[in-house]
Every structure is written in structure tokens, then in C-alpha cells.
Amino acid sequence: MPLVQTEVPQGEYDLLRRRAHAERKPLKTVIREALRAHLLPDTVDAEDPIFHIFPLQKAKGKTHWASRDHDELLYPTDR
């Protein structure tokens, strides 16, 4: 694993140290978690097709078989 060294202001160091103490984790673990949260934010893409496929059955029309045709429902080829 690569070693990364940097300098941080005393206030940020104190915050990291307090968080590590409160969570009973090593300081390096808290720093890794903070980096991971910053670099890989846990967000949802509202434009993802999974949020736009419902209802799967129209009131009057063809029944969609989501378990069989899920790829076409999620990623239609007619776009």
C-alpha cells in the first residue's frame, strides 16, 4: 500500500484525533474513511433509468415481463 504524507493545520488534526478517539479507531482509519467519503461520494443519480421504468404495466396495453425483459426496460434500444 502506498504511503502518503501531508501536513494539516492543527485544528483539523485535533478534529481527526477527537473523531478517532470517539469512534475508538486508529487515526489512520479515520483519515482513510474521510478520503474515501470525499473521493467516492454516496449519491444517487436521479436520471438512472431504474427510476423511470414504472409502472411496468399500462392500464390498457401490453404486459411487461420485468423479470424476463429487464435489460430492455432499463436501457431501451430505441433511444
PDB file of N, CA and C in Angstrom:
ATOM      1  N   MET A   1       0.857  -1.169   0.000  1.00  0.00           N
ATOM      2  CA  MET A   1       0.000   0.000   0.000  1.00  0.00           C
ATOM      3  C   MET A   1       0.906   1.235   0.000  1.00  0.00           C
ATOM      4  N   PRO A   2       0.657   2.200  -0.894  1.00  0.00           N
ATOM      5  CA  PRO A   2       1.480   3.404  -0.932  1.00  0.00           C
ATOM      6  C   PRO A   2       1.345   4.216   0.357  1.00  0.00           C
ATOM      7  N   LEU A   3       2.410   4.883   0.713  1.00  0.00           N
ATOM      8  CA  LEU A   3       2.424   5.746   1.896  1.00  0.00           C
ATOM      9  C   LEU A   3       2.247   7.182   1.431  1.00  0.00           C
ATOM     10  N   VAL A   4       1.293   7.889   2.037  1.00  0.00           N
ATOM     11  CA  VAL A   4       1.024   9.285   1.707  1.00  0.00           C
ATOM     12  C   VAL A   4       1.302  10.118   2.955  1.00  0.00           C
ATOM     13  N   GLN A   5       2.107  11.152   2.799  1.00  0.00           N
ATOM     14  CA  GLN A   5       2.391  12.054   3.914  1.00  0.00           C
ATOM     15  C   GLN A   5       1.964  13.455   3.525  1.00  0.00           C
ATOM     16  N   THR A   6       1.401  14.175   4.485  1.00  0.00           N
ATOM     17  CA  THR A   6       0.998  15.548   4.239  1.00  0.00           C
ATOM     18  C   THR A   6       0.973  16.290   5.565  1.00  0.00           C
ATOM     19  N   GLU A   7       0.859  17.584   5.474  1.00  0.00           N
ATOM     20  CA  GLU A   7       0.714  18.415   6.660  1.00  0.00           C
ATOM     21  C   GLU A   7      -0.708  18.929   6.705  1.00  0.00           C
ATOM     22  N   VAL A   8      -1.284  18.982   7.903  1.00  0.00           N
ATOM     23  CA  VAL A   8      -2.629  19.529   8.086  1.00  0.00           C
ATOM     24  C   VAL A   8      -2.562  20.573   9.197  1.00  0.00           C
ATOM     25  N   PRO A   9      -3.447  21.552   9.139  1.00  0.00           N
ATOM     26  CA  PRO A   9      -3.492  22.538  10.218  1.00  0.00           C
ATOM     27  C   PRO A   9      -3.811  21.862  11.560  1.00  0.00           C
ATOM     28  N   GLN A  10      -3.350  22.468  12.630  1.00  0.00           N
ATOM     29  CA  GLN A  10      -3.535  21.889  13.959  1.00  0.00           C
ATOM     30  C   GLN A  10      -5.017  21.655  14.269  1.00  0.00           C
ATOM     31  N   GLY A  11      -5.889  22.576  13.848  1.00  0.00           N
ATOM     32  CA  GLY A  11      -7.330  22.422  14.115  1.00  0.00           C
ATOM     33  C   GLY A  11      -7.907  21.173  13.451  1.00  0.00           C
ATOM     34  N   GLU A  12      -7.519  20.921  12.207  1.00  0.00           N
ATOM     35  CA  GLU A  12      -8.003  19.732  11.511  1.00  0.00           C
ATOM     36  C   GLU A  12      -7.448  18.454  12.153  1.00  0.00           C
ATOM     37  N   TYR A  13      -6.187  18.521  12.554  1.00  0.00           N
ATOM     38  CA  TYR A  13      -5.592  17.365  13.231  1.00  0.00           C
ATOM     39  C   TYR A  13      -6.341  17.060  14.520  1.00  0.00           C
ATOM     40  N   ASP A  14      -6.664  18.105  15.278  1.00  0.00           N
ATOM     41  CA  ASP A  14      -7.397  17.905  16.531  1.00  0.00           C
ATOM     42  C   ASP A  14      -8.776  17.288  16.273  1.00  0.00           C
ATOM     43  N   LEU A  15      -9.446  17.758  15.222  1.00  0.00           N
ATOM     44  CA  LEU A  15     -10.757  17.188  14.872  1.00  0.00           C
ATOM     45  C   LEU A  15     -10.630  15.706  14.507  1.00  0.00           C
ATOM     46  N   LEU A  16      -9.626  15.382  13.703  1.00  0.00           N
ATOM     47  CA  LEU A  16      -9.411  13.982  13.321  1.00  0.00           C
ATOM     48  C   LEU A  16      -9.096  13.127  14.546  1.00  0.00           C
ATOM     49  N   ARG A  17      -8.230  13.640  15.413  1.00  0.00           N
ATOM     50  CA  ARG A  17      -7.848  12.894  16.607  1.00  0.00           C
ATOM     51  C   ARG A  17      -9.051  12.669  17.522  1.00  0.00           C
ATOM     52  N   ARG A  18      -9.881  13.710  17.695  1.00  0.00           N
ATOM     53  CA  ARG A  18     -11.085  13.555  18.530  1.00  0.00           C
ATOM     54  C   ARG A  18     -12.058  12.538  17.936  1.00  0.00           C
ATOM     55  N   ARG A  19     -12.236  12.584  16.615  1.00  0.00           N
ATOM     56  CA  ARG A  19     -13.134  11.623  15.972  1.00  0.00           C
ATOM     57  C   ARG A  19     -12.606  10.206  16.154  1.00  0.00           C
ATOM     58  N   ALA A  20     -11.308  10.018  15.959  1.00  0.00           N
ATOM     59  CA  ALA A  20     -10.703   8.695  16.133  1.00  0.00           C
ATOM     60  C   ALA A  20     -10.899   8.199  17.560  1.00  0.00           C
ATOM     61  N   HIS A  21     -10.718   9.081  18.522  1.00  0.00           N
ATOM     62  CA  HIS A  21     -10.897   8.685  19.927  1.00  0.00           C
ATOM     63  C   HIS A  21     -12.365   8.336  20.202  1.00  0.00           C
ATOM     64  N   ALA A  22     -13.286   9.166  19.691  1.00  0.00           N
ATOM     65  CA  ALA A  22     -14.717   8.942  19.928  1.00  0.00           C
ATOM     66  C   ALA A  22     -15.195   7.637  19.300  1.00  0.00           C
ATOM     67  N   GLU A  23     -14.674   7.311  18.122  1.00  0.00           N
ATOM     68  CA  GLU A  23     -15.096   6.096  17.424  1.00  0.00           C
ATOM     69  C   GLU A  23     -14.223   4.888  17.766  1.00  0.00           C
ATOM     70  N   ARG A  24     -13.223   5.128  18.619  1.00  0.00           N
ATOM     71  CA  ARG A  24     -12.306   4.064  19.043  1.00  0.00           C
ATOM     72  C   ARG A  24     -11.659   3.375  17.839  1.00  0.00           C
ATOM     73  N   LYS A  25     -11.155   4.221  16.937  1.00  0.00           N
ATOM     74  CA  LYS A  25     -10.489   3.741  15.733  1.00  0.00           C
ATOM     75  C   LYS A  25      -9.117   4.391  15.662  1.00  0.00           C
ATOM     76  N   PRO A  26      -8.176   3.746  14.974  1.00  0.00           N
ATOM     77  CA  PRO A  26      -6.883   4.397  14.759  1.00  0.00           C
ATOM     78  C   PRO A  26      -7.054   5.648  13.895  1.00  0.00           C
ATOM     79  N   LEU A  27      -6.179   6.622  14.119  1.00  0.00           N
ATOM     80  CA  LEU A  27      -6.230   7.863  13.355  1.00  0.00           C
ATOM     81  C   LEU A  27      -6.129   7.600  11.857  1.00  0.00           C
ATOM     82  N   LYS A  28      -5.287   6.667  11.452  1.00  0.00           N
ATOM     83  CA  LYS A  28      -5.134   6.384  10.021  1.00  0.00           C
ATOM     84  C   LYS A  28      -6.423   5.841   9.414  1.00  0.00           C
ATOM     85  N   THR A  29      -7.216   5.102  10.190  1.00  0.00           N
ATOM     86  CA  THR A  29      -8.501   4.586   9.689  1.00  0.00           C
ATOM     87  C   THR A  29      -9.484   5.723   9.460  1.00  0.00           C
ATOM     88  N   VAL A  30      -9.533   6.653  10.411  1.00  0.00           N
ATOM     89  CA  VAL A  30     -10.435   7.803  10.271  1.00  0.00           C
ATOM     90  C   VAL A  30     -10.037   8.642   9.059  1.00  0.00           C
ATOM     91  N   ILE A  31      -8.745   8.820   8.840  1.00  0.00           N
ATOM     92  CA  ILE A  31      -8.283   9.588   7.682  1.00  0.00           C
ATOM     93  C   ILE A  31      -8.634   8.873   6.387  1.00  0.00           C
ATOM     94  N   ARG A  32      -8.438   7.556   6.334  1.00  0.00           N
ATOM     95  CA  ARG A  32      -8.807   6.788   5.127  1.00  0.00           C
ATOM     96  C   ARG A  32     -10.298   6.901   4.848  1.00  0.00           C
ATOM     97  N   GLU A  33     -11.114   6.794   5.898  1.00  0.00           N
ATOM     98  CA  GLU A  33     -12.564   6.898   5.718  1.00  0.00           C
ATOM     99  C   GLU A  33     -12.953   8.282   5.200  1.00  0.00           C
ATOM    100  N   ALA A  34     -12.303   9.322   5.709  1.00  0.00           N
ATOM    101  CA  ALA A  34     -12.598  10.679   5.251  1.00  0.00           C
ATOM    102  C   ALA A  34     -12.210  10.853   3.784  1.00  0.00           C
ATOM    103  N   LEU A  35     -11.065  10.331   3.397  1.00  0.00           N
ATOM    104  CA  LEU A  35     -10.654  10.397   1.994  1.00  0.00           C
ATOM    105  C   LEU A  35     -11.619   9.638   1.093  1.00  0.00           C
ATOM    106  N   ARG A  36     -11.999   8.447   1.526  1.00  0.00           N
ATOM    107  CA  ARG A  36     -12.916   7.630   0.728  1.00  0.00           C
ATOM    108  C   ARG A  36     -14.258   8.336   0.566  1.00  0.00           C
ATOM    109  N   ALA A  37     -14.762   8.943   1.646  1.00  0.00           N
ATOM    110  CA  ALA A  37     -16.046   9.646   1.578  1.00  0.00           C
ATOM    111  C   ALA A  37     -15.960  10.848   0.642  1.00  0.00           C
ATOM    112  N   HIS A  38     -14.808  11.498   0.612  1.00  0.00           N
ATOM    113  CA  HIS A  38     -14.632  12.657  -0.262  1.00  0.00           C
ATOM    114  C   HIS A  38     -14.485  12.240  -1.730  1.00  0.00           C
ATOM    115  N   LEU A  39     -13.731  11.181  -1.970  1.00  0.00           N
ATOM    116  CA  LEU A  39     -13.454  10.766  -3.344  1.00  0.00           C
ATOM    117  C   LEU A  39     -14.568   9.926  -3.957  1.00  0.00           C
ATOM    118  N   LEU A  40     -15.294   9.184  -3.128  1.00  0.00           N
ATOM    119  CA  LEU A  40     -16.371   8.315  -3.614  1.00  0.00           C
ATOM    120  C   LEU A  40     -17.672   8.663  -2.901  1.00  0.00           C
ATOM    121  N   PRO A  41     -18.264   9.811  -3.222  1.00  0.00           N
ATOM    122  CA  PRO A  41     -19.487  10.211  -2.516  1.00  0.00           C
ATOM    123  C   PRO A  41     -20.624   9.216  -2.758  1.00  0.00           C
ATOM    124  N   ASP A  42     -21.408   9.013  -1.753  1.00  0.00           N
ATOM    125  CA  ASP A  42     -22.534   8.081  -1.823  1.00  0.00           C
ATOM    126  C   ASP A  42     -23.771   8.859  -2.255  1.00  0.00           C
ATOM    127  N   THR A  43     -23.920   9.024  -3.571  1.00  0.00           N
ATOM    128  CA  THR A  43     -25.038   9.788  -4.104  1.00  0.00           C
ATOM    129  C   THR A  43     -25.845   8.932  -5.072  1.00  0.00           C
ATOM    130  N   VAL A  44     -27.042   9.388  -5.360  1.00  0.00           N
ATOM    131  CA  VAL A  44     -27.942   8.692  -6.274  1.00  0.00           C
ATOM    132  C   VAL A  44     -28.126   9.540  -7.518  1.00  0.00           C
ATOM    133  N   ASP A  45     -28.015   8.920  -8.689  1.00  0.00           N
ATOM    134  CA  ASP A  45     -28.244   9.616  -9.957  1.00  0.00           C
ATOM    135  C   ASP A  45     -29.733   9.563 -10.265  1.00  0.00           C
ATOM    136  N   ALA A  46     -30.395  10.695 -10.129  1.00  0.00           N
ATOM    137  CA  ALA A  46     -31.847  10.748 -10.347  1.00  0.00           C
ATOM    138  C   ALA A  46     -32.234  10.417 -11.783  1.00  0.00           C
ATOM    139  N   GLU A  47     -31.293  10.503 -12.716  1.00  0.00           N
ATOM    140  CA  GLU A  47     -31.575  10.206 -14.115  1.00  0.00           C
ATOM    141  C   GLU A  47     -31.357   8.736 -14.462  1.00  0.00           C
ATOM    142  N   ASP A  48     -30.975   7.918 -13.492  1.00  0.00           N
ATOM    143  CA  ASP A  48     -30.783   6.491 -13.745  1.00  0.00           C
ATOM    144  C   ASP A  48     -32.102   5.889 -14.220  1.00  0.00           C
ATOM    145  N   PRO A  49     -32.078   5.096 -15.290  1.00  0.00           N
ATOM    146  CA  PRO A  49     -33.309   4.524 -15.849  1.00  0.00           C
ATOM    147  C   PRO A  49     -34.122   3.701 -14.853  1.00  0.00           C
ATOM    148  N   ILE A  50     -33.502   3.177 -13.819  1.00  0.00           N
ATOM    149  CA  ILE A  50     -34.259   2.376 -12.850  1.00  0.00           C
ATOM    150  C   ILE A  50     -35.378   3.180 -12.194  1.00  0.00           C
ATOM    151  N   PHE A  51     -35.213   4.501 -12.134  1.00  0.00           N
ATOM    152  CA  PHE A  51     -36.225   5.345 -11.501  1.00  0.00           C
ATOM    153  C   PHE A  51     -37.322   5.781 -12.459  1.00  0.00           C
ATOM    154  N   HIS A  52     -37.234   5.380 -13.721  1.00  0.00           N
ATOM    155  CA  HIS A  52     -38.203   5.844 -14.707  1.00  0.00           C
ATOM    156  C   HIS A  52     -38.925   4.703 -15.433  1.00  0.00           C
ATOM    157  N   ILE A  53     -38.864   3.482 -14.938  1.00  0.00           N
ATOM    158  CA  ILE A  53     -39.480   2.369 -15.664  1.00  0.00           C
ATOM    159  C   ILE A  53     -40.872   2.016 -15.150  1.00  0.00           C
ATOM    160  N   PHE A  54     -41.307   2.629 -14.081  1.00  0.00           N
ATOM    161  CA  PHE A  54     -42.590   2.266 -13.507  1.00  0.00           C
ATOM    162  C   PHE A  54     -43.674   3.161 -14.066  1.00  0.00           C
ATOM    163  N   PRO A  55     -44.891   2.748 -14.225  1.00  0.00           N
ATOM    164  CA  PRO A  55     -45.379   1.394 -13.957  1.00  0.00           C
ATOM    165  C   PRO A  55     -44.965   0.434 -15.067  1.00  0.00           C
ATOM    166  N   LEU A  56     -44.806  -0.819 -14.695  1.00  0.00           N
ATOM    167  CA  LEU A  56     -44.387  -1.828 -15.658  1.00  0.00           C
ATOM    168  C   LEU A  56     -45.539  -2.301 -16.535  1.00  0.00           C
ATOM    169  N   GLN A  57     -46.753  -2.061 -16.108  1.00  0.00           N
ATOM    170  CA  GLN A  57     -47.915  -2.473 -16.895  1.00  0.00           C
ATOM    171  C   GLN A  57     -48.808  -1.258 -17.111  1.00  0.00           C
ATOM    172  N   LYS A  58     -49.134  -1.010 -18.368  1.00  0.00           N
ATOM    173  CA  LYS A  58     -50.034   0.092 -18.682  1.00  0.00           C
ATOM    174  C   LYS A  58     -51.464  -0.334 -18.370  1.00  0.00           C
ATOM    175  N   ALA A  59     -52.327   0.628 -18.154  1.00  0.00           N
ATOM    176  CA  ALA A  59     -53.722   0.323 -17.830  1.00  0.00           C
ATOM    177  C   ALA A  59     -54.369  -0.508 -18.935  1.00  0.00           C
ATOM    178  N   LYS A  60     -54.169  -0.096 -20.184  1.00  0.00           N
ATOM    179  CA  LYS A  60     -54.714  -0.856 -21.301  1.00  0.00           C
ATOM    180  C   LYS A  60     -53.584  -1.071 -22.283  1.00  0.00           C
ATOM    181  N   GLY A  61     -53.024  -2.224 -22.280  1.00  0.00           N
ATOM    182  CA  GLY A  61     -51.937  -2.464 -23.215  1.00  0.00           C
ATOM    183  C   GLY A  61     -51.166  -3.710 -22.865  1.00  0.00           C
ATOM    184  N   LYS A  62     -50.019  -3.808 -23.464  1.00  0.00           N
ATOM    185  CA  LYS A  62     -49.176  -4.984 -23.317  1.00  0.00           C
ATOM    186  C   LYS A  62     -48.600  -5.079 -21.897  1.00  0.00           C
ATOM    187  N   THR A  63     -48.597  -6.286 -21.361  1.00  0.00           N
ATOM    188  CA  THR A  63     -47.974  -6.536 -20.067  1.00  0.00           C
ATOM    189  C   THR A  63     -46.477  -6.677 -20.258  1.00  0.00           C
ATOM    190  N   HIS A  64     -45.699  -5.982 -19.433  1.00  0.00           N
ATOM    191  CA  HIS A  64     -44.249  -6.104 -19.478  1.00  0.00           C
ATOM    192  C   HIS A  64     -43.813  -7.188 -18.505  1.00  0.00           C
ATOM    193  N   TRP A  65     -42.905  -7.993 -18.924  1.00  0.00           N
ATOM    194  CA  TRP A  65     -42.366  -9.051 -18.079  1.00  0.00           C
ATOM    195  C   TRP A  65     -41.000  -8.599 -17.578  1.00  0.00           C
ATOM    196  N   ALA A  66     -41.021  -7.872 -16.467  1.00  0.00           N
ATOM    197  CA  ALA A  66     -39.799  -7.251 -15.957  1.00  0.00           C
ATOM    198  C   ALA A  66     -38.718  -8.279 -15.646  1.00  0.00           C
ATOM    199  N   SER A  67     -39.089  -9.424 -15.141  1.00  0.00           N
ATOM    200  CA  SER A  67     -38.069 -10.414 -14.794  1.00  0.00           C
ATOM    201  C   SER A  67     -37.377 -10.967 -16.038  1.00  0.00           C
ATOM    202  N   ARG A  68     -38.079 -10.972 -17.147  1.00  0.00           N
ATOM    203  CA  ARG A  68     -37.516 -11.505 -18.382  1.00  0.00           C
ATOM    204  C   ARG A  68     -36.876 -10.414 -19.235  1.00  0.00           C
ATOM    205  N   ASP A  69     -37.491  -9.247 -19.289  1.00  0.00           N
ATOM    206  CA  ASP A  69     -37.071  -8.194 -20.215  1.00  0.00           C
ATOM    207  C   ASP A  69     -36.461  -6.988 -19.506  1.00  0.00           C
ATOM    208  N   HIS A  70     -35.847  -7.201 -18.344  1.00  0.00           N
ATOM    209  CA  HIS A  70     -35.392  -6.061 -17.558  1.00  0.00           C
ATOM    210  C   HIS A  70     -34.335  -5.212 -18.260  1.00  0.00           C
ATOM    211  N   ASP A  71     -33.451  -5.813 -19.065  1.00  0.00           N
ATOM    212  CA  ASP A  71     -32.442  -5.015 -19.753  1.00  0.00           C
ATOM    213  C   ASP A  71     -33.088  -4.036 -20.731  1.00  0.00           C
ATOM    214  N   GLU A  72     -34.062  -4.502 -21.485  1.00  0.00           N
ATOM    215  CA  GLU A  72     -34.738  -3.635 -22.445  1.00  0.00           C
ATOM    216  C   GLU A  72     -35.559  -2.556 -21.726  1.00  0.00           C
ATOM    217  N   LEU A  73     -36.132  -2.901 -20.584  1.00  0.00           N
ATOM    218  CA  LEU A  73     -36.900  -1.915 -19.834  1.00  0.00           C
ATOM    219  C   LEU A  73     -35.984  -0.846 -19.238  1.00  0.00           C
ATOM    220  N   LEU A  74     -34.835  -1.258 -18.752  1.00  0.00           N
ATOM    221  CA  LEU A  74     -33.907  -0.299 -18.147  1.00  0.00           C
ATOM    222  C   LEU A  74     -33.150   0.513 -19.178  1.00  0.00           C
ATOM    223  N   TYR A  75     -32.752  -0.135 -20.276  1.00  0.00           N
ATOM    224  CA  TYR A  75     -31.916   0.508 -21.270  1.00  0.00           C
ATOM    225  C   TYR A  75     -32.493   0.272 -22.665  1.00  0.00           C
ATOM    226  N   PRO A  76     -33.593   0.942 -22.981  1.00  0.00           N
ATOM    227  CA  PRO A  76     -34.240   0.716 -24.280  1.00  0.00           C
ATOM    228  C   PRO A  76     -33.301   1.038 -25.441  1.00  0.00           C
ATOM    229  N   THR A  77     -33.429   0.255 -26.503  1.00  0.00           N
ATOM    230  CA  THR A  77     -32.576   0.469 -27.680  1.00  0.00           C
ATOM    231  C   THR A  77     -33.132   1.521 -28.627  1.00  0.00           C
ATOM    232  N   ASP A  78     -34.355   1.976 -28.402  1.00  0.00           N
ATOM    233  CA  ASP A  78     -34.988   2.925 -29.305  1.00  0.00           C
ATOM    234  C   ASP A  78     -34.681   4.373 -28.931  1.00  0.00           C
ATOM    235  N   ARG A  79     -33.717   4.612 -28.061  1.00  0.00           N
ATOM    236  CA  ARG A  79     -33.376   5.991 -27.677  1.00  0.00           C
ATOM    237  C   ARG A  79     -32.532   6.638 -28.716  1.00  0.00           C
TER     238      ARG A  79
END
